[in-house]
Amino acid sequence: MKVEIYDALMRRQASRRDVLRGTASAAALLGLSGAMGGIVGTAFAADDLRAQILQIPGVGKGSPTDADWQKVGELCLGPTKANVNQGEFAGVELTFMGLNNQNLHNFLFRGFLKPWEAYTGAKINWIDLAQADYNARLQQSIATGTVDFDILEMGAPFEGDTAGRGLLDEMPDWAAKQVEADDLVSYLKPPVGTWDGKTYRVTIDGDCHTFAYRKDYFGEGSISGMAEPPKTWQEVNAASKALIGKTDPLTSQPAYGYLDPLKGWGGFGFYFIENRATAYAKYPGDPAWLFDPENMKPLVNNPAWVQAIQDVLDLIAAKAYPADQINADPGTTAFSQFLAGTGAMLMWWGDVGSGARTSDTSVVGDVVGFGINRGSNRVYNRKTGQWEDKYNEAPNMAYLGWGIYVTKRVSSDEKKRKAAWSAAAHLGGKDLSLWTSAYPSGFQPYRQSHFNYDEWEKAGYDRAYIEDYLGSNADSYNHPNAAIEPRIPGIFQYYSVAEDELAKGFAGQYKSAQETADAIAAAWEKITDQIGRDSQLKLYRTSLGL
């Protein structure tokens, strides 16, 4: 689909079926464009490559292997070869720090970069981190000034801690052209990936949370008793309670409703209480939902956030969760529970959608539906201090997507610097990114070109499924009340301590949701004062566009 057609449809809040019709129209127009000659021929050549890599291994043919990752990496080397001579980086060694979550991320990067190493002559050494260990390891390197890596997989929220401290190398123009950053969805364009007007990031992911649900749990005569999947968080809790004691229609095991992760995940688990909170706390037209933009006072203990915490406490008290849910982190809820057939509803990053159909461990691919973050039938107006009885929804743009960054360690060595940026640009390439969006990778659609439904259908996805899955991502990215987190120093310090206090609240160590929220707010105040309230306030307001 042409970018201008897609953007126009999204601005009109077009239905997903309208988007499909727009795609068909664009294809028809292309068929009449024979006079474009070489331009059309080039597009067809690119289409052939994209179609080829999407058949590796093919949807429904099992999980991809290292051999598949290497083959995709080799087929996508064209842009590298246009900028780098064969053997140009011989003798160069680079250290790459990234995630090994669920055997994705770094494990795929190894395969994608093996043919790059063979062509360029460079060698990459790997630092693999579990999700729960990532924040602590990065913060230690920042605090002690012992950055021991040349290339870093990192999310945009950390840009304040890294770019803001002068730890990153600025992206060269040739690398920016190679990755075709203009193709990114709008919310991932600058200022995301930049600091003080300089670009530091190759985007490789979109990262918004979307709602996944089991269609066999809802409908006339279903075990939930609901004709439609829940639209609000109030209905999510009601459905979860209604399912207590019932039997899962697919697995014949106990049925469960919504799967809240009750265990922390190195700060990343805080995004999941955010999912509930944004519907209550993100008032339309007001960008602030974490801190007061006048003084950096936390909003996390206002009535909206307290309601989100109370939702979870209510389900704990009702025994609506699977046994030992207190030890379930987000990785457990997505991969060990939902995709494996436990539970009816989940909020997670969008790659659950591709994993449901292309992972060997998924049993729910035929019964999964998708949507944006659930809404609420009332919203808290922080400016008036009152609840308002009107429907509100606010998709959570959790983490602003993973990116590849290059550190200052290479800045004084031009050969090493070019090698590092070449590796980053290869991982963020337009064609390779389509493959990572369609198969288990840890990443989800994040380019406008990822929303070509025909490509996904030819890969083996059925049209209705892709319309639903990609639509939930597009609807979230383009939502007028999306909750976008600030890129301020220490953001994961705030999140990590919040996880600690939430864990205490969920375990019953605090007397109430309010007491739990107050403990988080008090801890956040200390962090703000430690970093510097005036500087934090200035950066926070800038991030909100104020």
Protein backbone atom coordinates (compact mmCIF):
# COMPACT_ATOMS: atom_id res chain seq x y z
CA MET A 1 0.00 0.00 0.00
CA LYS A 2 1.24 3.48 -0.78
CA VAL A 3 2.11 5.45 2.34
CA GLU A 4 -0.17 8.36 1.48
CA ILE A 5 -3.18 6.03 1.05
CA TYR A 6 -2.47 4.33 4.38
CA ASP A 7 -2.04 7.64 6.25
CA ALA A 8 -5.22 9.08 4.75
CA LEU A 9 -7.24 6.04 5.72
CA MET A 10 -5.90 6.05 9.26
CA ARG A 11 -6.70 9.75 9.64
CA ARG A 12 -10.26 8.99 8.66
CA GLN A 13 -10.32 6.16 11.23
CA ALA A 14 -11.16 3.83 8.34
CA SER A 15 -12.22 0.28 9.07
CA ARG A 16 -9.68 -2.45 8.45
CA ARG A 17 -11.73 -3.73 5.53
CA ASP A 18 -11.56 -0.23 4.02
CA VAL A 19 -7.79 -0.46 4.36
CA LEU A 20 -7.86 -3.71 2.42
CA ARG A 21 -9.94 -2.11 -0.30
CA GLY A 22 -7.43 0.75 -0.41
CA THR A 23 -4.64 -1.77 -0.90
CA ALA A 24 -6.51 -3.32 -3.80
CA SER A 25 -7.01 0.10 -5.34
CA ALA A 26 -3.33 0.88 -5.01
CA ALA A 27 -2.50 -2.42 -6.74
CA ALA A 28 -4.90 -1.57 -9.55
CA LEU A 29 -3.26 1.81 -10.01
CA LEU A 30 0.15 0.18 -10.12
CA GLY A 31 -1.09 -2.11 -12.88
CA LEU A 32 -1.84 0.97 -15.01
CA SER A 33 1.60 2.45 -14.43
CA GLY A 34 3.56 0.70 -17.18
CA ALA A 35 5.01 4.01 -18.26
CA MET A 36 7.01 4.09 -15.02
CA GLY A 37 9.34 1.51 -16.52
CA GLY A 38 12.45 1.02 -14.43
CA ILE A 39 10.83 2.29 -11.23
CA VAL A 40 8.16 -0.39 -11.38
CA GLY A 41 10.77 -3.00 -12.30
CA THR A 42 12.80 -2.08 -9.22
CA ALA A 43 9.72 -2.34 -7.02
CA PHE A 44 8.94 -5.78 -8.43
CA ALA A 45 12.52 -6.90 -7.74
CA ALA A 46 12.16 -5.80 -4.11
CA ASP A 47 8.79 -7.52 -3.93
CA ASP A 48 10.38 -10.75 -5.18
CA LEU A 49 12.98 -10.65 -2.38
CA ARG A 50 10.35 -9.92 0.24
CA ALA A 51 8.16 -12.76 -1.01
CA GLN A 52 11.18 -15.08 -0.99
CA ILE A 53 12.24 -14.39 2.58
CA LEU A 54 8.65 -14.70 3.83
CA GLN A 55 8.70 -18.33 2.68
CA ILE A 56 11.57 -19.07 5.08
CA PRO A 57 10.41 -21.41 6.56
CA GLY A 58 6.77 -20.56 5.74
CA VAL A 59 3.84 -20.00 8.09
CA GLY A 60 2.60 -23.26 9.57
CA LYS A 61 5.88 -25.08 8.92
CA GLY A 62 7.28 -24.83 12.43
CA SER A 63 9.50 -22.37 14.25
CA PRO A 64 12.40 -20.86 12.29
CA THR A 65 15.89 -22.22 13.01
CA ASP A 66 19.37 -20.73 12.98
CA ALA A 67 19.74 -21.91 9.39
CA ASP A 68 16.65 -19.89 8.50
CA TRP A 69 17.97 -16.76 10.25
CA GLN A 70 21.28 -17.07 8.37
CA LYS A 71 19.53 -17.53 5.04
CA VAL A 72 17.36 -14.45 5.61
CA GLY A 73 20.42 -12.47 6.68
CA GLU A 74 22.30 -13.47 3.54
CA LEU A 75 19.42 -12.66 1.20
CA CYS A 76 19.12 -9.18 2.77
CA LEU A 77 22.80 -8.24 2.33
CA GLY A 78 22.19 -6.10 -0.76
CA PRO A 79 22.15 -2.72 1.02
CA THR A 80 25.34 -3.68 2.94
CA LYS A 81 27.14 -4.57 -0.28
CA ALA A 82 26.19 -1.18 -1.71
CA ASN A 83 28.04 0.57 1.14
CA VAL A 84 30.80 -1.86 2.14
CA ASN A 85 33.46 -3.65 0.11
CA GLN A 86 33.99 -7.37 0.64
CA GLY A 87 36.51 -7.90 3.46
CA GLU A 88 36.57 -4.18 4.29
CA PHE A 89 36.34 -4.80 8.05
CA ALA A 90 38.89 -7.59 8.28
CA GLY A 91 40.51 -7.58 11.73
CA VAL A 92 37.70 -5.59 13.37
CA GLU A 93 36.12 -7.06 16.51
CA LEU A 94 32.91 -5.63 17.94
CA THR A 95 31.12 -6.36 21.22
CA PHE A 96 27.32 -6.47 21.01
CA MET A 97 25.16 -6.29 24.17
CA GLY A 98 21.54 -7.32 23.86
CA LEU A 99 18.70 -9.48 25.09
CA ASN A 100 18.37 -13.27 25.06
CA ASN A 101 14.70 -13.19 26.11
CA GLN A 102 12.82 -16.41 25.15
CA ASN A 103 15.78 -17.36 22.89
CA LEU A 104 14.90 -14.45 20.60
CA HIS A 105 16.60 -11.07 20.03
CA ASN A 106 20.36 -11.80 20.25
CA PHE A 107 19.90 -15.36 19.07
CA LEU A 108 18.36 -14.15 15.83
CA PHE A 109 20.92 -11.37 15.50
CA ARG A 110 23.67 -14.00 15.50
CA GLY A 111 22.09 -15.72 12.52
CA PHE A 112 21.30 -12.50 10.65
CA LEU A 113 24.86 -11.21 11.16
CA LYS A 114 26.78 -14.40 10.39
CA PRO A 115 26.66 -13.78 6.60
CA TRP A 116 27.41 -10.11 7.30
CA GLU A 117 30.54 -11.20 9.19
CA ALA A 118 31.54 -13.53 6.36
CA TYR A 119 31.18 -10.76 3.78
CA THR A 120 32.74 -7.86 5.71
CA GLY A 121 35.45 -9.77 7.63
CA ALA A 122 34.40 -8.38 11.01
CA LYS A 123 33.86 -10.51 14.10
CA ILE A 124 31.19 -9.95 16.75
CA ASN A 125 31.45 -10.96 20.41
CA TRP A 126 28.18 -11.24 22.33
CA ILE A 127 26.92 -10.17 25.74
CA ASP A 128 23.56 -11.89 26.31
CA LEU A 129 21.21 -10.61 29.02
CA ALA A 130 17.97 -11.96 30.42
CA GLN A 131 15.11 -9.44 30.41
CA ALA A 132 15.09 -9.21 34.22
CA ASP A 133 18.84 -8.45 34.24
CA TYR A 134 18.94 -5.95 31.39
CA ASN A 135 18.17 -2.72 33.24
CA ALA A 136 20.58 -3.40 36.11
CA ARG A 137 23.45 -4.29 33.75
CA LEU A 138 22.97 -1.20 31.59
CA GLN A 139 22.56 1.14 34.56
CA GLN A 140 25.73 -0.25 36.15
CA SER A 141 27.68 0.49 32.99
CA ILE A 142 26.27 4.01 32.85
CA ALA A 143 26.85 4.77 36.55
CA THR A 144 30.40 3.46 36.65
CA GLY A 145 31.47 4.66 33.22
CA THR A 146 32.48 1.13 32.26
CA VAL A 147 30.74 0.76 28.91
CA ASP A 148 32.25 -2.48 27.58
CA PHE A 149 30.21 -2.84 24.40
CA ASP A 150 30.33 -1.20 20.96
CA ILE A 151 26.80 -2.00 19.81
CA LEU A 152 23.78 -1.95 22.10
CA GLU A 153 20.23 -3.22 21.71
CA MET A 154 18.19 -0.73 23.71
CA GLY A 155 14.76 0.86 23.97
CA ALA A 156 14.09 4.56 23.45
CA PRO A 157 13.24 5.18 27.15
CA PHE A 158 16.95 4.71 27.93
CA GLU A 159 18.01 7.47 25.53
CA GLY A 160 17.96 9.99 28.36
CA ASP A 161 20.41 7.85 30.32
CA THR A 162 22.75 7.20 27.37
CA ALA A 163 22.50 9.89 24.68
CA GLY A 164 21.84 12.44 27.41
CA ARG A 165 25.16 11.50 29.02
CA GLY A 166 27.14 11.56 25.77
CA LEU A 167 27.66 7.79 25.64
CA LEU A 168 26.42 7.22 22.07
CA ASP A 169 27.88 7.74 18.60
CA GLU A 170 25.88 9.82 16.12
CA MET A 171 24.47 7.93 13.14
CA PRO A 172 26.27 8.69 9.85
CA ASP A 173 24.20 9.84 6.89
CA TRP A 174 24.90 6.73 4.80
CA ALA A 175 23.49 4.49 7.54
CA ALA A 176 20.34 6.61 7.82
CA LYS A 177 19.78 6.25 4.08
CA GLN A 178 20.41 2.50 4.19
CA VAL A 179 17.71 1.84 6.81
CA GLU A 180 15.11 4.05 5.05
CA ALA A 181 13.89 5.60 8.29
CA ASP A 182 11.15 7.54 6.47
CA ASP A 183 9.25 4.24 6.35
CA LEU A 184 8.79 4.17 10.14
CA VAL A 185 5.30 4.62 11.59
CA SER A 186 4.85 8.21 12.68
CA TYR A 187 5.17 7.82 16.43
CA LEU A 188 8.66 6.26 16.07
CA LYS A 189 10.05 9.15 14.04
CA PRO A 190 12.01 12.00 15.71
CA PRO A 191 12.23 13.00 18.46
CA VAL A 192 12.34 9.24 19.21
CA GLY A 193 15.86 8.03 18.45
CA THR A 194 17.34 11.51 18.70
CA TRP A 195 18.83 13.74 21.37
CA ASP A 196 19.67 17.42 21.01
CA GLY A 197 18.89 17.17 17.31
CA LYS A 198 21.26 14.27 16.61
CA THR A 199 20.17 10.79 15.53
CA TYR A 200 21.47 7.77 17.43
CA ARG A 201 19.09 4.90 16.73
CA VAL A 202 18.35 2.27 14.12
CA THR A 203 14.77 1.24 14.95
CA ILE A 204 14.06 -2.50 14.85
CA ASP A 205 10.70 -2.72 16.66
CA GLY A 206 7.44 -0.91 17.35
CA ASP A 207 6.43 -1.95 20.87
CA CYS A 208 2.87 -1.10 21.66
CA HIS A 209 0.79 -3.36 23.86
CA THR A 210 -2.24 -4.93 22.19
CA PHE A 211 -5.07 -7.06 23.52
CA ALA A 212 -5.13 -10.76 22.61
CA TYR A 213 -8.11 -12.93 23.50
CA ARG A 214 -9.43 -16.42 22.94
CA LYS A 215 -12.42 -16.32 20.58
CA ASP A 216 -13.60 -19.71 21.87
CA TYR A 217 -14.19 -18.15 25.31
CA PHE A 218 -16.69 -15.58 23.98
CA GLY A 219 -19.86 -15.68 21.89
CA GLU A 220 -23.36 -17.05 22.26
CA GLY A 221 -23.35 -20.04 24.59
CA SER A 222 -19.68 -19.61 25.52
CA ILE A 223 -18.28 -20.40 28.96
CA SER A 224 -17.75 -16.71 29.76
CA GLY A 225 -21.43 -15.93 29.25
CA MET A 226 -20.42 -12.91 27.16
CA ALA A 227 -21.52 -12.54 23.54
CA GLU A 228 -18.53 -10.31 22.75
CA PRO A 229 -15.02 -10.03 24.19
CA PRO A 230 -14.71 -7.38 26.93
CA LYS A 231 -14.46 -3.80 25.76
CA THR A 232 -13.51 -2.29 29.13
CA TRP A 233 -11.32 -3.26 32.05
CA GLN A 234 -14.44 -3.43 34.17
CA GLU A 235 -15.72 -6.16 31.83
CA VAL A 236 -12.31 -7.89 31.83
CA ASN A 237 -12.51 -8.33 35.60
CA ALA A 238 -16.15 -9.45 35.41
CA ALA A 239 -15.31 -12.06 32.78
CA SER A 240 -12.32 -13.31 34.78
CA LYS A 241 -14.51 -13.84 37.84
CA ALA A 242 -17.24 -15.53 35.77
CA LEU A 243 -14.75 -18.12 34.50
CA ILE A 244 -13.70 -19.35 37.94
CA GLY A 245 -14.28 -23.10 38.18
CA LYS A 246 -15.00 -23.62 34.48
CA THR A 247 -13.15 -25.74 31.91
CA ASP A 248 -11.07 -24.49 28.99
CA PRO A 249 -12.82 -25.50 25.72
CA LEU A 250 -9.51 -26.21 23.94
CA THR A 251 -7.34 -27.90 26.56
CA SER A 252 -9.96 -29.30 28.99
CA GLN A 253 -7.85 -27.76 31.78
CA PRO A 254 -9.16 -25.15 34.25
CA ALA A 255 -10.36 -21.98 32.54
CA TYR A 256 -8.92 -18.62 33.49
CA GLY A 257 -9.63 -15.08 32.38
CA TYR A 258 -7.14 -12.24 32.17
CA LEU A 259 -3.48 -13.06 32.85
CA ASP A 260 -1.87 -10.31 34.93
CA PRO A 261 1.86 -10.86 35.57
CA LEU A 262 2.31 -10.48 39.33
CA LYS A 263 6.11 -10.83 39.37
CA GLY A 264 8.53 -8.10 38.32
CA TRP A 265 10.68 -8.28 35.21
CA GLY A 266 13.56 -5.88 35.66
CA GLY A 267 11.26 -2.86 35.33
CA PHE A 268 9.51 -4.15 32.21
CA GLY A 269 6.69 -5.62 34.28
CA PHE A 270 5.48 -2.14 35.20
CA TYR A 271 4.11 -1.75 31.68
CA PHE A 272 1.41 -4.29 32.53
CA ILE A 273 -0.16 -2.34 35.39
CA GLU A 274 0.14 0.65 33.04
CA ASN A 275 -2.20 -1.12 30.61
CA ARG A 276 -5.00 -0.95 33.14
CA ALA A 277 -4.02 2.49 34.41
CA THR A 278 -3.87 4.34 31.09
CA ALA A 279 -7.57 3.72 30.45
CA TYR A 280 -8.35 5.35 33.79
CA ALA A 281 -5.59 7.97 33.95
CA LYS A 282 -4.82 9.17 30.40
CA TYR A 283 -7.41 11.91 29.98
CA PRO A 284 -8.04 12.94 26.35
CA GLY A 285 -6.04 16.00 25.41
CA ASP A 286 -3.78 15.76 28.47
CA PRO A 287 -0.36 14.20 27.66
CA ALA A 288 0.60 13.75 31.33
CA TRP A 289 -0.26 10.49 33.08
CA LEU A 290 2.93 9.55 34.99
CA PHE A 291 4.04 12.84 36.53
CA ASP A 292 2.55 16.29 37.05
CA PRO A 293 4.19 18.48 34.38
CA GLU A 294 4.23 21.47 36.74
CA ASN A 295 6.38 19.97 39.49
CA MET A 296 7.26 16.30 38.67
CA LYS A 297 5.01 15.05 41.47
CA PRO A 298 4.06 11.43 40.75
CA LEU A 299 0.53 10.78 39.53
CA VAL A 300 0.91 7.08 40.29
CA ASN A 301 -1.03 7.32 43.56
CA ASN A 302 -4.02 9.27 42.25
CA PRO A 303 -7.46 7.55 42.12
CA ALA A 304 -6.92 6.32 38.55
CA TRP A 305 -3.77 4.37 39.38
CA VAL A 306 -5.24 3.15 42.65
CA GLN A 307 -8.16 1.72 40.67
CA ALA A 308 -5.77 -0.17 38.39
CA ILE A 309 -4.02 -1.73 41.37
CA GLN A 310 -7.37 -2.50 43.00
CA ASP A 311 -8.44 -4.38 39.86
CA VAL A 312 -5.57 -6.81 40.34
CA LEU A 313 -6.10 -7.14 44.08
CA ASP A 314 -9.75 -8.01 43.42
CA LEU A 315 -8.78 -10.88 41.11
CA ILE A 316 -6.19 -12.14 43.60
CA ALA A 317 -8.83 -12.15 46.34
CA ALA A 318 -11.29 -13.96 44.06
CA LYS A 319 -8.67 -16.62 43.23
CA ALA A 320 -9.24 -15.92 39.54
CA TYR A 321 -5.61 -16.49 38.50
CA PRO A 322 -3.75 -19.75 37.83
CA ALA A 323 -1.96 -21.25 40.81
CA ASP A 324 1.33 -19.54 41.72
CA GLN A 325 0.55 -16.49 39.56
CA ILE A 326 2.46 -14.47 42.15
CA ASN A 327 5.61 -15.89 40.51
CA ALA A 328 4.49 -15.32 36.91
CA ASP A 329 6.40 -12.60 35.08
CA PRO A 330 5.31 -11.26 31.65
CA GLY A 331 7.36 -13.88 29.83
CA THR A 332 5.42 -16.56 31.68
CA THR A 333 2.01 -15.06 30.93
CA ALA A 334 2.69 -14.82 27.19
CA PHE A 335 4.72 -17.90 26.35
CA SER A 336 4.15 -20.43 29.12
CA GLN A 337 0.49 -19.60 29.69
CA PHE A 338 -1.44 -17.85 26.90
CA LEU A 339 0.24 -19.32 23.81
CA ALA A 340 0.34 -22.70 25.52
CA GLY A 341 -3.42 -22.68 26.11
CA THR A 342 -3.86 -21.21 29.60
CA GLY A 343 -6.08 -18.15 30.00
CA ALA A 344 -8.55 -16.22 27.87
CA MET A 345 -7.06 -12.72 27.70
CA LEU A 346 -3.67 -11.06 27.63
CA MET A 347 -2.09 -7.68 27.06
CA TRP A 348 1.36 -7.99 25.52
CA TRP A 349 3.61 -6.65 22.85
CA GLY A 350 2.29 -7.36 19.39
CA ASP A 351 4.71 -10.16 18.53
CA VAL A 352 2.36 -12.54 20.35
CA GLY A 353 0.31 -12.23 17.15
CA SER A 354 3.03 -13.67 14.91
CA GLY A 355 4.07 -16.21 17.54
CA ALA A 356 0.55 -17.59 17.78
CA ARG A 357 0.79 -18.79 14.16
CA THR A 358 4.50 -19.49 13.68
CA SER A 359 5.82 -20.87 16.98
CA ASP A 360 6.03 -24.60 17.74
CA THR A 361 4.87 -23.93 21.30
CA SER A 362 1.60 -22.20 20.37
CA VAL A 363 -1.67 -24.15 20.47
CA VAL A 364 -4.04 -21.17 20.16
CA GLY A 365 -3.31 -19.84 16.67
CA ASP A 366 -6.71 -20.79 15.30
CA VAL A 367 -8.72 -19.20 18.11
CA VAL A 368 -6.92 -15.91 18.83
CA GLY A 369 -8.38 -12.48 18.16
CA PHE A 370 -6.83 -9.04 18.68
CA GLY A 371 -7.71 -5.47 19.57
CA ILE A 372 -6.29 -2.35 21.16
CA ASN A 373 -5.90 -1.87 24.90
CA ARG A 374 -9.22 -2.17 26.70
CA GLY A 375 -10.99 1.02 27.67
CA SER A 376 -12.90 2.17 30.72
CA ASN A 377 -16.44 3.41 31.25
CA ARG A 378 -15.06 6.28 33.33
CA VAL A 379 -11.87 8.35 33.29
CA TYR A 380 -10.13 10.43 35.96
CA ASN A 381 -9.52 14.10 35.22
CA ARG A 382 -6.40 14.99 37.21
CA LYS A 383 -6.95 18.72 36.68
CA THR A 384 -10.39 18.73 38.31
CA GLY A 385 -9.70 15.84 40.66
CA GLN A 386 -12.92 14.15 39.57
CA TRP A 387 -14.00 10.98 37.77
CA GLU A 388 -16.02 11.54 34.61
CA ASP A 389 -18.54 8.94 33.48
CA LYS A 390 -17.56 8.62 29.83
CA TYR A 391 -15.85 5.91 27.81
CA ASN A 392 -12.10 6.30 27.45
CA GLU A 393 -9.35 4.29 25.81
CA ALA A 394 -5.61 4.89 25.71
CA PRO A 395 -3.32 2.35 24.02
CA ASN A 396 -0.04 1.87 25.87
CA MET A 397 2.99 2.60 23.66
CA ALA A 398 5.12 0.48 25.96
CA TYR A 399 8.88 1.01 25.54
CA LEU A 400 8.82 2.89 22.21
CA GLY A 401 10.40 -0.10 20.50
CA TRP A 402 13.83 -1.69 20.57
CA GLY A 403 16.60 -0.09 18.56
CA ILE A 404 20.27 -0.66 17.76
CA TYR A 405 22.71 1.97 19.04
CA VAL A 406 26.47 2.44 18.63
CA THR A 407 28.54 3.65 21.57
CA LYS A 408 31.32 6.23 21.78
CA ARG A 409 33.86 3.41 22.16
CA VAL A 410 34.17 3.30 18.36
CA SER A 411 34.09 7.03 17.61
CA SER A 412 37.87 7.47 17.34
CA ASP A 413 38.38 4.48 15.03
CA GLU A 414 36.68 5.17 11.71
CA LYS A 415 37.01 1.61 10.42
CA LYS A 416 35.48 0.17 13.58
CA ARG A 417 32.84 2.88 13.62
CA LYS A 418 31.74 2.11 10.08
CA ALA A 419 31.66 -1.60 10.91
CA ALA A 420 29.45 -1.03 13.94
CA TRP A 421 26.98 1.12 12.02
CA SER A 422 26.97 -1.34 9.13
CA ALA A 423 25.99 -4.16 11.48
CA ALA A 424 23.27 -1.98 13.01
CA ALA A 425 21.93 -0.95 9.60
CA HIS A 426 21.82 -4.57 8.44
CA LEU A 427 19.67 -5.54 11.44
CA GLY A 428 17.38 -2.57 10.83
CA GLY A 429 17.02 -3.10 7.09
CA LYS A 430 13.63 -2.62 5.51
CA ASP A 431 13.33 -6.12 4.03
CA LEU A 432 14.81 -8.00 6.97
CA SER A 433 12.41 -6.14 9.25
CA LEU A 434 9.43 -7.57 7.38
CA TRP A 435 10.64 -11.07 8.22
CA THR A 436 11.11 -10.24 11.92
CA SER A 437 7.57 -8.85 12.03
CA ALA A 438 6.07 -11.98 10.50
CA TYR A 439 7.98 -14.61 12.50
CA PRO A 440 8.94 -15.07 16.19
CA SER A 441 11.68 -12.54 16.84
CA GLY A 442 10.74 -10.42 19.86
CA PHE A 443 9.64 -7.62 17.52
CA GLN A 444 6.40 -6.44 15.98
CA PRO A 445 5.39 -4.40 12.90
CA TYR A 446 6.83 -0.89 13.02
CA ARG A 447 7.18 0.31 9.43
CA GLN A 448 4.44 1.61 7.17
CA SER A 449 5.51 -1.00 4.62
CA HIS A 450 4.73 -3.74 7.14
CA PHE A 451 1.02 -3.09 6.67
CA ASN A 452 0.78 -4.59 3.19
CA TYR A 453 -1.75 -7.34 3.86
CA ASP A 454 -1.04 -9.10 0.54
CA GLU A 455 2.55 -9.87 1.57
CA TRP A 456 1.45 -11.51 4.80
CA GLU A 457 -1.25 -13.51 3.07
CA LYS A 458 1.24 -14.85 0.51
CA ALA A 459 3.48 -15.90 3.40
CA GLY A 460 0.71 -18.21 4.64
CA TYR A 461 -1.34 -16.07 7.02
CA ASP A 462 -5.07 -16.01 6.31
CA ARG A 463 -6.51 -12.63 5.45
CA ALA A 464 -8.95 -12.31 8.35
CA TYR A 465 -6.24 -13.09 10.90
CA ILE A 466 -3.85 -10.51 9.47
CA GLU A 467 -6.59 -7.92 9.21
CA ASP A 468 -7.22 -8.43 12.92
CA TYR A 469 -3.59 -8.65 14.08
CA LEU A 470 -2.08 -5.85 11.98
CA GLY A 471 -5.17 -3.77 12.56
CA SER A 472 -4.66 -3.88 16.33
CA ASN A 473 -1.13 -2.53 15.85
CA ALA A 474 -2.14 0.17 13.38
CA ASP A 475 -5.10 1.26 15.49
CA SER A 476 -2.80 1.59 18.51
CA TYR A 477 -0.05 3.52 16.72
CA ASN A 478 -2.57 5.96 15.24
CA HIS A 479 -4.81 6.41 18.27
CA PRO A 480 -5.38 10.08 19.21
CA ASN A 481 -5.16 9.31 22.94
CA ALA A 482 -2.16 6.96 22.87
CA ALA A 483 -0.16 6.91 26.11
CA ILE A 484 3.45 7.63 25.17
CA GLU A 485 6.06 7.33 27.88
CA PRO A 486 8.68 10.03 28.46
CA ARG A 487 12.33 9.61 27.46
CA ILE A 488 13.82 10.93 30.68
CA PRO A 489 16.88 9.81 32.63
CA GLY A 490 16.17 7.14 35.20
CA ILE A 491 12.84 6.03 33.77
CA PHE A 492 13.63 2.38 34.50
CA GLN A 493 14.73 3.27 38.01
CA TYR A 494 11.17 4.51 38.51
CA TYR A 495 9.73 1.37 36.90
CA SER A 496 11.94 -1.04 38.84
CA VAL A 497 11.12 0.37 42.25
CA ALA A 498 7.44 0.43 41.29
CA GLU A 499 7.64 -3.28 40.53
CA ASP A 500 9.13 -3.90 43.96
CA GLU A 501 6.34 -2.04 45.71
CA LEU A 502 3.65 -3.67 43.58
CA ALA A 503 5.02 -7.10 44.47
CA LYS A 504 4.64 -6.22 48.15
CA GLY A 505 1.09 -5.03 47.56
CA PHE A 506 0.11 -8.15 45.62
CA ALA A 507 1.61 -10.31 48.39
CA GLY A 508 -0.52 -8.56 51.00
CA GLN A 509 2.27 -6.61 52.71
CA TYR A 510 0.37 -3.35 52.27
CA LYS A 511 -3.12 -2.85 53.62
CA SER A 512 -4.68 -1.43 50.47
CA ALA A 513 -4.22 -0.38 46.86
CA GLN A 514 -3.85 3.21 48.06
CA GLU A 515 -1.06 2.30 50.46
CA THR A 516 0.71 0.41 47.68
CA ALA A 517 0.40 3.37 45.32
CA ASP A 518 1.60 5.79 48.01
CA ALA A 519 4.71 3.66 48.52
CA ILE A 520 5.48 3.85 44.80
CA ALA A 521 4.96 7.62 44.77
CA ALA A 522 7.27 8.12 47.76
CA ALA A 523 9.99 6.05 46.08
CA TRP A 524 9.59 8.02 42.85
CA GLU A 525 9.98 11.31 44.71
CA LYS A 526 13.33 10.13 46.07
CA ILE A 527 14.55 9.18 42.59
CA THR A 528 13.53 12.55 41.17
CA ASP A 529 15.36 14.40 43.93
CA GLN A 530 18.46 12.23 43.48
CA ILE A 531 18.62 12.89 39.74
CA GLY A 532 17.62 16.55 40.07
CA ARG A 533 14.04 17.77 40.06
CA ASP A 534 14.61 20.84 37.93
CA SER A 535 16.46 18.97 35.18
CA GLN A 536 13.95 16.11 35.23
CA LEU A 537 11.03 18.51 35.01
CA LYS A 538 12.58 20.30 32.04
CA LEU A 539 13.22 17.06 30.14
CA TYR A 540 9.80 15.67 31.06
CA ARG A 541 8.00 18.74 29.78
CA THR A 542 10.04 18.62 26.57
CA SER A 543 9.11 14.98 26.08
CA LEU A 544 5.43 15.91 26.41
CA GLY A 545 5.78 18.72 23.90
CA LEU A 546 5.09 21.38 26.53
